[in-house]
N, C-alpha and C. Protein backbone atom coordinates (compact mmCIF):
# COMPACT_ATOMS: atom_id res chain seq x y z
N MET A 1 0.83 -1.19 0.00
CA MET A 1 0.00 0.00 0.00
C MET A 1 0.87 1.24 0.00
N CYS A 2 1.51 1.58 1.07
CA CYS A 2 2.37 2.76 1.12
C CYS A 2 3.80 2.32 0.88
N ALA A 3 4.42 2.93 -0.10
CA ALA A 3 5.78 2.54 -0.43
C ALA A 3 6.77 3.19 0.53
N GLY A 4 7.86 2.52 0.76
CA GLY A 4 8.90 3.07 1.62
C GLY A 4 9.66 1.97 2.32
N ALA A 5 10.74 2.34 2.95
CA ALA A 5 11.56 1.37 3.66
C ALA A 5 10.99 1.11 5.04
N GLY A 6 11.34 -0.01 5.61
CA GLY A 6 10.90 -0.33 6.96
C GLY A 6 9.74 -1.29 6.97
N ARG A 7 9.37 -1.68 8.17
CA ARG A 7 8.30 -2.64 8.36
C ARG A 7 6.95 -1.97 8.25
N ARG A 8 6.02 -2.62 7.52
CA ARG A 8 4.68 -2.07 7.32
C ARG A 8 3.65 -3.17 7.56
N ALA A 9 2.45 -2.77 7.93
CA ALA A 9 1.36 -3.73 8.11
C ALA A 9 0.06 -3.09 7.68
N LEU A 10 -0.76 -3.87 7.00
CA LEU A 10 -2.09 -3.42 6.58
C LEU A 10 -3.09 -4.41 7.14
N SER A 11 -4.07 -3.92 7.87
CA SER A 11 -5.09 -4.77 8.45
C SER A 11 -6.46 -4.22 8.10
N GLY A 12 -7.45 -5.08 8.12
CA GLY A 12 -8.82 -4.65 7.86
C GLY A 12 -9.78 -5.37 8.78
N TRP A 13 -10.82 -4.66 9.19
CA TRP A 13 -11.86 -5.22 10.03
C TRP A 13 -13.20 -4.87 9.42
N SER A 14 -14.16 -5.76 9.55
CA SER A 14 -15.50 -5.51 9.06
C SER A 14 -16.49 -5.98 10.11
N GLY A 15 -17.49 -5.16 10.38
CA GLY A 15 -18.50 -5.52 11.35
C GLY A 15 -19.18 -4.30 11.90
N TRP A 16 -20.25 -4.50 12.60
CA TRP A 16 -21.03 -3.41 13.20
C TRP A 16 -21.38 -2.32 12.19
N GLY A 17 -21.63 -2.72 10.95
CA GLY A 17 -22.04 -1.75 9.94
C GLY A 17 -20.92 -0.89 9.41
N ALA A 18 -19.67 -1.34 9.54
CA ALA A 18 -18.55 -0.52 9.08
C ALA A 18 -17.37 -1.41 8.68
N GLN A 19 -16.47 -0.81 7.92
CA GLN A 19 -15.20 -1.42 7.58
C GLN A 19 -14.11 -0.47 8.03
N VAL A 20 -13.05 -1.00 8.60
CA VAL A 20 -11.92 -0.18 9.03
C VAL A 20 -10.65 -0.76 8.41
N LEU A 21 -9.88 0.10 7.76
CA LEU A 21 -8.58 -0.28 7.25
C LEU A 21 -7.53 0.44 8.08
N ALA A 22 -6.48 -0.26 8.46
CA ALA A 22 -5.42 0.32 9.27
C ALA A 22 -4.07 0.05 8.61
N TYR A 23 -3.26 1.09 8.47
CA TYR A 23 -1.90 0.99 7.97
C TYR A 23 -0.98 1.41 9.09
N ALA A 24 -0.03 0.56 9.42
CA ALA A 24 0.95 0.89 10.45
C ALA A 24 2.34 0.79 9.83
N GLY A 25 3.03 1.90 9.81
CA GLY A 25 4.38 1.95 9.26
C GLY A 25 5.37 2.40 10.31
N PRO A 26 6.62 2.52 9.93
CA PRO A 26 7.64 2.91 10.90
C PRO A 26 7.52 4.37 11.35
N GLU A 27 6.85 5.20 10.57
CA GLU A 27 6.80 6.62 10.87
C GLU A 27 5.42 7.13 11.29
N TYR A 28 4.35 6.44 10.90
CA TYR A 28 3.01 6.87 11.26
C TYR A 28 2.01 5.73 11.06
N GLU A 29 0.80 5.93 11.58
CA GLU A 29 -0.29 4.99 11.40
C GLU A 29 -1.47 5.72 10.80
N VAL A 30 -2.22 5.04 9.95
CA VAL A 30 -3.42 5.61 9.34
C VAL A 30 -4.57 4.64 9.57
N PHE A 31 -5.68 5.16 10.09
CA PHE A 31 -6.89 4.38 10.28
C PHE A 31 -7.99 5.04 9.46
N ALA A 32 -8.66 4.26 8.62
CA ALA A 32 -9.72 4.79 7.77
C ALA A 32 -11.00 4.00 8.03
N TYR A 33 -12.09 4.72 8.23
CA TYR A 33 -13.40 4.15 8.55
C TYR A 33 -14.30 4.31 7.34
N PHE A 34 -14.94 3.22 6.91
CA PHE A 34 -15.82 3.24 5.75
C PHE A 34 -17.15 2.59 6.10
N ASP A 35 -18.18 2.99 5.38
CA ASP A 35 -19.49 2.35 5.49
C ASP A 35 -19.35 0.88 5.11
N ALA A 36 -20.17 0.03 5.68
CA ALA A 36 -20.09 -1.41 5.42
C ALA A 36 -20.36 -1.74 3.95
N LEU A 37 -21.06 -0.87 3.24
CA LEU A 37 -21.37 -1.11 1.83
C LEU A 37 -20.25 -0.70 0.89
N ALA A 38 -19.23 -0.06 1.41
CA ALA A 38 -18.09 0.36 0.57
C ALA A 38 -17.35 -0.88 0.07
N GLU A 39 -16.95 -0.84 -1.18
CA GLU A 39 -16.20 -1.95 -1.76
C GLU A 39 -14.76 -1.91 -1.25
N LEU A 40 -14.22 -3.07 -0.96
CA LEU A 40 -12.86 -3.15 -0.41
C LEU A 40 -11.83 -2.56 -1.36
N ASP A 41 -11.98 -2.80 -2.67
CA ASP A 41 -11.02 -2.24 -3.64
C ASP A 41 -11.05 -0.72 -3.63
N ALA A 42 -12.24 -0.13 -3.55
CA ALA A 42 -12.36 1.33 -3.52
C ALA A 42 -11.77 1.88 -2.22
N ALA A 43 -12.04 1.21 -1.09
CA ALA A 43 -11.50 1.65 0.19
C ALA A 43 -9.98 1.58 0.19
N ALA A 44 -9.42 0.51 -0.37
CA ALA A 44 -7.96 0.37 -0.43
C ALA A 44 -7.35 1.45 -1.32
N ALA A 45 -8.03 1.79 -2.44
CA ALA A 45 -7.53 2.84 -3.33
C ALA A 45 -7.53 4.20 -2.62
N ILE A 46 -8.56 4.47 -1.85
CA ILE A 46 -8.62 5.72 -1.09
C ILE A 46 -7.49 5.77 -0.07
N CYS A 47 -7.25 4.67 0.63
CA CYS A 47 -6.16 4.62 1.61
C CYS A 47 -4.81 4.80 0.94
N GLN A 48 -4.65 4.24 -0.24
CA GLN A 48 -3.39 4.39 -0.96
C GLN A 48 -3.15 5.85 -1.34
N ARG A 49 -4.21 6.53 -1.81
CA ARG A 49 -4.07 7.96 -2.14
C ARG A 49 -3.78 8.77 -0.87
N LEU A 50 -4.43 8.42 0.22
CA LEU A 50 -4.18 9.12 1.48
C LEU A 50 -2.74 8.94 1.93
N CYS A 51 -2.22 7.72 1.85
CA CYS A 51 -0.83 7.46 2.24
C CYS A 51 0.14 8.23 1.34
N ALA A 52 -0.16 8.30 0.05
CA ALA A 52 0.70 9.05 -0.88
C ALA A 52 0.69 10.54 -0.52
N TRP A 53 -0.48 11.06 -0.17
CA TRP A 53 -0.57 12.48 0.22
C TRP A 53 0.20 12.73 1.51
N VAL A 54 0.03 11.84 2.50
CA VAL A 54 0.75 12.00 3.77
C VAL A 54 2.26 11.96 3.52
N LYS A 55 2.71 11.03 2.68
CA LYS A 55 4.14 10.92 2.38
C LYS A 55 4.65 12.22 1.74
N ALA A 56 3.87 12.80 0.83
CA ALA A 56 4.27 14.04 0.16
C ALA A 56 4.29 15.23 1.12
N GLN A 57 3.40 15.22 2.12
CA GLN A 57 3.27 16.33 3.06
C GLN A 57 3.96 16.06 4.39
N GLN A 58 4.68 14.98 4.47
CA GLN A 58 5.23 14.52 5.74
C GLN A 58 6.03 15.58 6.49
N ALA A 59 6.83 16.33 5.79
CA ALA A 59 7.66 17.36 6.45
C ALA A 59 6.81 18.44 7.11
N ASP A 60 5.64 18.73 6.56
CA ASP A 60 4.77 19.77 7.11
C ASP A 60 3.82 19.23 8.17
N LEU A 61 3.61 17.91 8.20
CA LEU A 61 2.61 17.34 9.10
C LEU A 61 3.18 16.86 10.44
N PHE A 62 4.44 16.42 10.42
CA PHE A 62 5.02 15.81 11.62
C PHE A 62 6.17 16.63 12.16
N VAL A 63 6.29 16.65 13.46
CA VAL A 63 7.38 17.34 14.13
C VAL A 63 8.52 16.33 14.31
N PRO A 64 9.71 16.66 13.84
CA PRO A 64 10.84 15.73 14.00
C PRO A 64 11.17 15.53 15.48
N LEU A 65 11.57 14.33 15.82
CA LEU A 65 11.94 14.02 17.22
C LEU A 65 13.40 14.27 17.45
């Protein structure tokens, strides 16, 4: 899903009328909540675009430690 070095994990949950996709990477985590009727391919594409945007804006979004 999100390109880059380091360990990454993508998980998904479905239930209670919703779908949740979670991306956990070495630098940040992204959780996306979708209606239960949303198609998994569409939800994954949205998450991929979100991860690409976060990666492009990373310097402005996160405070270096």
